Amino acid sequence: MAPESSPEKEGVQDLDAPALEGMFTKELSTAFAALGCFNLAIFGATGAGKSTLVNAVFGQDVADTGVGEPVTRGVDYHRRDDGFLGIFDSEGFETGSAGDQILEGLRNVVEARRRSPIDQQIHAAWYVVRWSDRRFEDAQAAFVRRLADLGLPVIVVLTQVPSKDGQAHPHAVELSDFITGLGLTIRAGGAPVLTNALADDFTHAPAFGLDRLLDATYEVVPEAAQAALTAAQQLDMERKKKAVKAVINQAVTVASGIGAVPIPFTDAALLVPNQVTMIARISAAYGLPPQRSRAMAVAGSLILTGGATMAGRYVVTNLLKFIPGGAIAGSAISATVAASLTRAVGIAWAKVCEYALTLPEGQQQAFWSSGAVLEKFRSALSAG
């Protein structure tokens, strides 16, 4: 006869690695889907640096890595494979009759998508101008006005701006002031955002202004799309960490409820489903691409396999420091112990994800598929 508190009695199946891998795969899919999608429209003349800007903020060229489809004349929609970033990209002919055709088609797209779920709507628009052109024509101003008339929050971005000691080139500032003086309905305080997406080793011009552009974008994006933007962007790790902290805190609250009536330490498997969900949501919040989800599921299942959770008896000795008093009183898991264990798992997994994001693209898949994940997790756990 099974003991009163056995996992089987509570509906928790034997938590071997294959079972956990299946659980992880399902939860990872759910976590990625829950992020929704941040959709950015980007306009500007050919050569203005649109792709370079997208690469700098989001880490990769969506047009090269995602699924593309034409949505109207002159505008294609590319959705990155991870699903939480979409780009409406124009051909670069935004003046004259070509611009008029793009705008008319775009008006139909915007109106149709306003009746669609939030993850199908356009959340922000960047109008990109190369500063070295040193002009902003009437046709460009008219295009920006009509974008705003469509109800799109427009941010004008000057690209390839050289700077020194944090100060932009004076001619770029002069162009920015000219555009500001036109009184266009643009965000970021009515002024263009000056940027340089790539550091230039020849001129020693550093990357510049990208954080300001990201901040301006967050200011206009609806709350429902901000989780996807946080996952997609690769500039601001602190925003990712804040999202992850919220995930961990929620899981800790659930764990406290599980341990409200103390359970034997041998029944720690009862905590695992909650920890699986937490780890999946942490992975998604960091924007780790779902094409690696199976490798992450395998890694997570290895970490959480064992009667005391996380690599078996290794955890029993190494998690004691997270428990008040450093001992498991009566071999039972209380609300405080359950919360401490879960928080430790979440923080360690977050450190694993942060490390993975520092690796070159080609090395990340190999990392998730190797035993290095478990070693990195153990190291993070030991470091507290």
Protein backbone atom coordinates (compact mmCIF):
# COMPACT_ATOMS: atom_id res chain seq x y z
CA MET A 1 0.00 0.00 0.00
CA ALA A 2 1.36 3.39 -1.00
CA PRO A 3 2.02 5.88 1.79
CA GLU A 4 -0.50 8.69 2.31
CA SER A 5 1.72 11.31 0.71
CA SER A 6 3.04 9.32 -2.23
CA PRO A 7 3.32 11.11 -5.57
CA GLU A 8 1.16 8.41 -7.15
CA LYS A 9 -1.68 9.19 -4.74
CA GLU A 10 -1.42 12.86 -5.65
CA GLY A 11 -1.48 12.13 -9.39
CA VAL A 12 2.24 12.70 -10.04
CA GLN A 13 3.65 10.00 -12.28
CA ASP A 14 7.09 8.45 -11.86
CA LEU A 15 9.38 11.33 -12.75
CA ASP A 16 12.01 9.56 -14.81
CA ALA A 17 13.90 11.41 -17.53
CA PRO A 18 11.63 10.44 -20.48
CA ALA A 19 8.49 11.48 -18.60
CA LEU A 20 10.08 14.77 -17.60
CA GLU A 21 11.29 15.40 -21.14
CA GLY A 22 7.72 15.10 -22.40
CA MET A 23 6.51 17.40 -19.63
CA PHE A 24 9.20 19.96 -20.44
CA THR A 25 8.45 19.87 -24.17
CA LYS A 26 4.79 20.61 -23.53
CA GLU A 27 5.51 23.40 -21.03
CA LEU A 28 8.15 25.01 -23.26
CA SER A 29 5.66 25.13 -26.12
CA THR A 30 3.07 26.68 -23.82
CA ALA A 31 5.55 29.23 -22.48
CA PHE A 32 6.66 30.36 -25.94
CA ALA A 33 3.06 30.64 -27.13
CA ALA A 34 2.10 32.68 -24.05
CA LEU A 35 4.62 35.37 -24.99
CA GLY A 36 2.60 36.35 -28.05
CA CYS A 37 4.36 38.37 -30.73
CA PHE A 38 5.80 41.87 -30.96
CA ASN A 39 5.27 43.29 -34.44
CA LEU A 40 7.42 46.15 -35.73
CA ALA A 41 6.92 48.01 -39.00
CA ILE A 42 10.11 49.49 -40.41
CA PHE A 43 10.35 51.95 -43.28
CA GLY A 44 13.09 53.93 -44.96
CA ALA A 45 14.99 54.30 -48.19
CA THR A 46 17.18 51.51 -49.50
CA GLY A 47 20.57 51.74 -47.82
CA ALA A 48 19.27 53.53 -44.74
CA GLY A 49 20.44 50.68 -42.53
CA LYS A 50 17.16 49.00 -41.62
CA SER A 51 18.50 45.44 -41.51
CA THR A 52 21.59 46.48 -39.55
CA LEU A 53 19.38 48.23 -37.01
CA VAL A 54 17.12 45.19 -36.61
CA ASN A 55 20.15 42.93 -36.21
CA ALA A 56 21.63 45.17 -33.53
CA VAL A 57 18.47 45.29 -31.43
CA PHE A 58 17.11 41.78 -31.98
CA GLY A 59 20.23 39.76 -32.64
CA GLN A 60 19.51 38.41 -36.09
CA ASP A 61 18.05 39.34 -39.46
CA VAL A 62 14.41 38.26 -39.32
CA ALA A 63 14.20 38.21 -43.11
CA ASP A 64 16.99 35.63 -43.22
CA THR A 65 15.81 33.44 -40.34
CA GLY A 66 12.04 33.72 -40.32
CA VAL A 67 9.03 32.91 -42.47
CA GLY A 68 8.10 35.70 -44.88
CA GLU A 69 4.94 36.54 -46.77
CA PRO A 70 3.76 39.57 -48.76
CA VAL A 71 0.96 41.41 -46.95
CA THR A 72 0.41 44.29 -49.36
CA ARG A 73 2.12 45.94 -52.31
CA GLY A 74 5.70 46.76 -51.34
CA VAL A 75 5.45 45.38 -47.79
CA ASP A 76 6.41 41.89 -46.61
CA TYR A 77 5.83 40.39 -43.19
CA HIS A 78 8.57 38.25 -41.68
CA ARG A 79 7.97 36.34 -38.47
CA ARG A 80 11.05 35.00 -36.77
CA ASP A 81 11.16 31.25 -36.22
CA ASP A 82 10.88 31.71 -32.47
CA GLY A 83 7.44 33.24 -33.02
CA PHE A 84 7.70 36.27 -30.75
CA LEU A 85 9.07 38.82 -33.25
CA GLY A 86 7.48 39.93 -36.50
CA ILE A 87 8.70 42.60 -38.91
CA PHE A 88 6.70 44.48 -41.54
CA ASP A 89 9.42 45.54 -43.96
CA SER A 90 8.98 47.80 -47.00
CA GLU A 91 10.96 47.67 -50.23
CA GLY A 92 12.42 51.11 -49.58
CA PHE A 93 10.36 53.14 -52.03
CA GLU A 94 8.44 55.39 -49.66
CA THR A 95 8.16 58.48 -51.84
CA GLY A 96 6.02 59.41 -54.82
CA SER A 97 3.43 57.04 -56.28
CA ALA A 98 5.21 53.97 -54.89
CA GLY A 99 4.92 55.41 -51.40
CA ASP A 100 1.24 56.17 -51.95
CA GLN A 101 0.60 52.58 -52.99
CA ILE A 102 2.44 51.25 -49.95
CA LEU A 103 0.44 53.50 -47.64
CA GLU A 104 -2.90 52.59 -49.18
CA GLY A 105 -2.16 48.89 -48.85
CA LEU A 106 -0.82 49.41 -45.36
CA ARG A 107 -4.01 51.23 -44.35
CA ASN A 108 -6.02 48.14 -45.27
CA VAL A 109 -3.62 45.92 -43.33
CA VAL A 110 -3.76 48.11 -40.21
CA GLU A 111 -7.55 48.35 -40.23
CA ALA A 112 -7.98 44.61 -40.73
CA ARG A 113 -5.50 43.75 -37.99
CA ARG A 114 -7.11 46.10 -35.48
CA ARG A 115 -9.93 43.56 -35.35
CA SER A 116 -7.46 40.73 -34.85
CA PRO A 117 -5.79 39.45 -31.66
CA ILE A 118 -3.14 41.74 -30.20
CA ASP A 119 -0.26 39.56 -31.40
CA GLN A 120 -1.29 40.19 -35.02
CA GLN A 121 -1.43 43.98 -34.77
CA ILE A 122 1.37 46.44 -35.56
CA HIS A 123 2.74 47.74 -32.26
CA ALA A 124 5.35 50.27 -33.35
CA ALA A 125 6.82 51.80 -36.51
CA TRP A 126 10.38 52.94 -37.12
CA TYR A 127 11.00 55.40 -39.95
CA VAL A 128 14.71 55.16 -40.71
CA VAL A 129 16.78 57.98 -42.20
CA ARG A 130 20.50 57.82 -42.94
CA TRP A 131 21.97 60.92 -41.31
CA SER A 132 24.67 61.30 -43.96
CA ASP A 133 22.01 62.06 -46.58
CA ARG A 134 21.71 65.34 -44.64
CA ARG A 135 18.22 65.99 -45.84
CA PHE A 136 14.65 65.10 -45.00
CA GLU A 137 12.40 65.75 -47.94
CA ASP A 138 8.77 66.91 -48.03
CA ALA A 139 7.73 63.51 -49.37
CA GLN A 140 9.36 61.78 -46.40
CA ALA A 141 7.59 64.10 -43.98
CA ALA A 142 4.29 63.41 -45.75
CA PHE A 143 4.89 59.66 -45.48
CA VAL A 144 5.54 59.92 -41.74
CA ARG A 145 2.39 62.04 -41.29
CA ARG A 146 0.30 59.43 -43.06
CA LEU A 147 1.81 56.63 -40.95
CA ALA A 148 0.73 58.57 -37.87
CA ASP A 149 -2.72 59.16 -39.39
CA LEU A 150 -3.08 55.37 -39.61
CA GLY A 151 -2.74 55.32 -35.83
CA LEU A 152 0.74 53.84 -35.82
CA PRO A 153 3.13 55.08 -33.12
CA VAL A 154 6.01 56.33 -35.28
CA ILE A 155 9.61 56.72 -34.13
CA VAL A 156 11.98 58.48 -36.53
CA VAL A 157 15.48 56.98 -36.36
CA LEU A 158 18.64 58.59 -37.72
CA THR A 159 21.17 55.87 -38.49
CA GLN A 160 24.93 55.55 -38.85
CA VAL A 161 25.45 58.64 -36.66
CA PRO A 162 29.09 59.04 -35.56
CA SER A 163 29.67 60.21 -32.02
CA LYS A 164 32.50 61.11 -29.70
CA ASP A 165 32.42 61.05 -25.91
CA GLY A 166 28.68 60.44 -26.07
CA GLN A 167 28.01 63.45 -28.29
CA ALA A 168 26.48 62.92 -31.74
CA HIS A 169 27.97 64.52 -34.83
CA PRO A 170 26.78 68.16 -34.94
CA HIS A 171 25.44 67.81 -38.48
CA ALA A 172 23.29 64.86 -37.34
CA VAL A 173 22.01 66.99 -34.46
CA GLU A 174 21.24 69.76 -36.95
CA LEU A 175 19.22 67.36 -39.12
CA SER A 176 17.43 66.06 -36.03
CA ASP A 177 16.51 69.60 -35.00
CA PHE A 178 15.18 70.29 -38.49
CA ILE A 179 12.93 67.20 -38.39
CA THR A 180 11.76 68.08 -34.88
CA GLY A 181 10.82 71.55 -36.07
CA LEU A 182 8.43 70.10 -38.66
CA GLY A 183 5.98 69.27 -35.89
CA LEU A 184 5.39 65.70 -37.06
CA THR A 185 3.38 63.36 -34.87
CA ILE A 186 6.30 61.19 -33.81
CA ARG A 187 7.12 59.56 -30.50
CA ALA A 188 10.24 59.85 -28.32
CA GLY A 189 9.33 63.42 -27.42
CA GLY A 190 8.70 64.48 -31.01
CA ALA A 191 12.38 64.20 -31.94
CA PRO A 192 14.31 61.60 -33.92
CA VAL A 193 16.39 59.02 -32.09
CA LEU A 194 20.05 59.21 -33.15
CA THR A 195 21.75 55.84 -33.51
CA ASN A 196 24.78 54.00 -34.78
CA ALA A 197 24.10 50.27 -34.88
CA LEU A 198 27.66 49.08 -35.48
CA ALA A 199 30.94 50.30 -34.08
CA ASP A 200 33.31 51.43 -36.85
CA ASP A 201 36.90 50.32 -36.27
CA PHE A 202 38.18 52.63 -39.01
CA THR A 203 36.61 55.87 -37.74
CA HIS A 204 36.46 54.64 -34.12
CA ALA A 205 32.78 55.62 -34.01
CA PRO A 206 31.12 53.49 -31.30
CA ALA A 207 27.68 51.92 -31.32
CA PHE A 208 25.38 54.66 -30.14
CA GLY A 209 21.76 55.34 -29.19
CA LEU A 210 20.35 51.82 -29.40
CA ASP A 211 19.30 51.80 -25.76
CA ARG A 212 17.38 55.05 -26.33
CA LEU A 213 15.65 53.53 -29.34
CA LEU A 214 14.66 50.48 -27.32
CA ASP A 215 13.34 52.65 -24.48
CA ALA A 216 11.31 54.71 -26.95
CA THR A 217 9.87 51.52 -28.42
CA TYR A 218 8.82 50.22 -25.01
CA GLU A 219 7.07 53.53 -24.38
CA VAL A 220 4.67 52.98 -27.29
CA VAL A 221 4.16 49.22 -27.20
CA PRO A 222 0.96 47.97 -25.52
CA GLU A 223 1.48 46.05 -22.30
CA ALA A 224 0.18 42.85 -23.87
CA ALA A 225 3.08 42.84 -26.37
CA GLN A 226 5.86 43.83 -23.98
CA ALA A 227 6.67 40.28 -22.87
CA ALA A 228 7.36 39.33 -26.48
CA LEU A 229 9.47 42.46 -27.00
CA THR A 230 11.47 41.64 -23.87
CA ALA A 231 12.13 38.12 -25.11
CA ALA A 232 13.03 39.30 -28.63
CA GLN A 233 15.36 42.19 -27.83
CA GLN A 234 19.01 41.43 -27.12
CA LEU A 235 20.16 44.78 -25.75
CA ASP A 236 18.75 45.04 -22.25
CA MET A 237 19.49 42.03 -20.04
CA GLU A 238 18.04 43.81 -17.01
CA ARG A 239 14.57 43.80 -18.57
CA LYS A 240 14.90 40.07 -19.16
CA LYS A 241 16.06 39.54 -15.58
CA LYS A 242 13.08 41.50 -14.26
CA ALA A 243 10.69 39.30 -16.24
CA VAL A 244 12.46 36.18 -14.99
CA LYS A 245 12.30 37.39 -11.39
CA ALA A 246 8.52 37.66 -11.71
CA VAL A 247 8.37 34.10 -13.06
CA ILE A 248 10.44 32.77 -10.16
CA ASN A 249 8.39 34.65 -7.57
CA GLN A 250 5.17 33.21 -8.96
CA ALA A 251 6.60 29.67 -8.87
CA VAL A 252 7.81 30.22 -5.31
CA THR A 253 4.28 31.19 -4.27
CA VAL A 254 2.91 28.00 -5.82
CA ALA A 255 5.61 25.93 -4.10
CA SER A 256 4.72 27.48 -0.76
CA GLY A 257 1.16 26.33 -1.27
CA ILE A 258 2.30 22.78 -2.04
CA GLY A 259 4.34 22.73 1.16
CA ALA A 260 1.63 24.38 3.28
CA VAL A 261 0.93 20.92 4.70
CA PRO A 262 4.47 19.52 5.19
CA ILE A 263 5.28 16.54 2.96
CA PRO A 264 8.04 13.95 3.40
CA PHE A 265 11.28 14.88 1.66
CA THR A 266 11.03 11.63 -0.28
CA ASP A 267 7.92 13.09 -1.90
CA ALA A 268 9.76 16.13 -3.24
CA ALA A 269 8.66 15.04 -6.71
CA LEU A 270 5.42 16.86 -5.93
CA LEU A 271 7.35 20.09 -6.48
CA VAL A 272 8.64 19.09 -9.89
CA PRO A 273 5.66 19.99 -12.15
CA ASN A 274 5.75 23.54 -10.80
CA GLN A 275 9.51 23.69 -11.32
CA VAL A 276 9.14 22.40 -14.88
CA THR A 277 6.69 25.19 -15.65
CA MET A 278 9.02 27.72 -14.04
CA ILE A 279 12.07 26.60 -16.00
CA ALA A 280 10.11 26.63 -19.26
CA ARG A 281 8.86 30.16 -18.61
CA ILE A 282 12.36 31.35 -17.66
CA SER A 283 13.74 29.94 -20.93
CA ALA A 284 11.06 31.74 -22.93
CA ALA A 285 11.52 35.02 -21.06
CA TYR A 286 15.19 35.06 -22.02
CA GLY A 287 14.16 34.58 -25.65
CA LEU A 288 15.99 31.31 -26.13
CA PRO A 289 14.83 30.07 -29.55
CA PRO A 290 12.31 27.22 -29.43
CA GLN A 291 14.20 25.26 -32.09
CA ARG A 292 16.43 24.34 -29.16
CA SER A 293 13.45 23.36 -27.03
CA ARG A 294 14.04 19.62 -27.24
CA ALA A 295 17.66 20.03 -26.16
CA MET A 296 16.50 22.28 -23.30
CA ALA A 297 13.83 19.73 -22.37
CA VAL A 298 16.42 16.97 -22.19
CA ALA A 299 18.71 19.17 -20.08
CA GLY A 300 15.89 20.16 -17.77
CA SER A 301 14.74 16.58 -17.34
CA LEU A 302 18.24 15.51 -16.33
CA ILE A 303 18.43 18.34 -13.81
CA LEU A 304 15.09 17.53 -12.20
CA THR A 305 15.34 13.72 -12.31
CA GLY A 306 15.66 12.05 -8.91
CA GLY A 307 13.71 11.46 -5.73
CA ALA A 308 14.81 14.73 -4.14
CA THR A 309 14.64 16.72 -7.43
CA MET A 310 17.58 17.99 -9.45
CA ALA A 311 20.16 15.31 -10.11
CA GLY A 312 19.19 13.05 -7.23
CA ARG A 313 21.15 13.03 -4.01
CA TYR A 314 23.44 15.82 -5.21
CA VAL A 315 20.60 18.15 -4.42
CA VAL A 316 20.01 16.88 -0.91
CA THR A 317 23.42 18.05 0.22
CA ASN A 318 23.77 21.14 -1.94
CA LEU A 319 20.36 22.68 -1.29
CA LEU A 320 20.58 22.53 2.48
CA LYS A 321 22.22 25.95 2.52
CA PHE A 322 19.04 27.42 1.03
CA ILE A 323 16.93 26.05 3.89
CA PRO A 324 16.67 28.08 7.12
CA GLY A 325 18.76 26.35 9.75
CA GLY A 326 20.57 24.23 7.19
CA ALA A 327 18.64 21.06 8.00
CA ILE A 328 15.44 19.36 6.93
CA ALA A 329 13.49 19.19 10.16
CA GLY A 330 11.77 15.84 10.51
CA SER A 331 12.66 14.97 6.91
CA ALA A 332 9.71 17.09 5.80
CA ILE A 333 9.25 19.82 3.27
CA SER A 334 7.40 22.79 4.70
CA ALA A 335 6.16 25.85 2.82
CA THR A 336 9.44 27.64 3.60
CA VAL A 337 11.57 24.72 2.42
CA ALA A 338 9.50 24.25 -0.75
CA ALA A 339 9.85 27.93 -1.54
CA SER A 340 13.60 27.89 -0.89
CA LEU A 341 14.16 24.84 -3.07
CA THR A 342 12.13 26.29 -5.92
CA ARG A 343 13.79 29.69 -5.75
CA ALA A 344 17.22 28.03 -5.82
CA VAL A 345 16.27 26.02 -8.91
CA GLY A 346 14.93 29.11 -10.66
CA ILE A 347 17.95 31.28 -9.94
CA ALA A 348 20.39 28.57 -11.04
CA TRP A 349 18.50 27.92 -14.27
CA ALA A 350 18.40 31.67 -14.98
CA LYS A 351 22.18 31.77 -14.69
CA VAL A 352 22.43 28.86 -17.13
CA CYS A 353 20.25 30.75 -19.62
CA GLU A 354 22.27 33.95 -19.21
CA TYR A 355 25.45 32.03 -19.88
CA ALA A 356 23.94 30.47 -23.00
CA LEU A 357 23.08 33.91 -24.35
CA THR A 358 26.76 34.90 -24.18
CA LEU A 359 27.72 32.08 -26.55
CA PRO A 360 28.00 32.60 -30.31
CA GLU A 361 24.91 31.44 -32.20
CA GLY A 362 26.60 28.31 -33.51
CA GLN A 363 27.70 27.19 -30.04
CA GLN A 364 24.38 27.52 -28.24
CA GLN A 365 22.81 24.38 -29.71
CA ALA A 366 25.90 22.36 -28.80
CA PHE A 367 25.77 23.70 -25.26
CA TRP A 368 22.16 22.64 -24.70
CA SER A 369 22.91 19.21 -26.13
CA SER A 370 25.91 18.53 -23.91
CA GLY A 371 26.59 17.64 -20.30
CA ALA A 372 27.91 21.17 -19.86
CA VAL A 373 24.37 22.31 -19.00
CA LEU A 374 24.23 20.13 -15.89
CA GLU A 375 27.71 21.21 -14.83
CA LYS A 376 26.84 24.87 -15.33
CA PHE A 377 23.64 24.37 -13.34
CA ARG A 378 25.48 22.68 -10.46
CA SER A 379 28.07 25.45 -10.46
CA ALA A 380 25.35 28.13 -10.36
CA LEU A 381 23.57 26.27 -7.57
CA SER A 382 26.74 25.99 -5.50
CA ALA A 383 27.52 29.66 -5.99
CA GLY A 384 24.09 30.56 -4.66
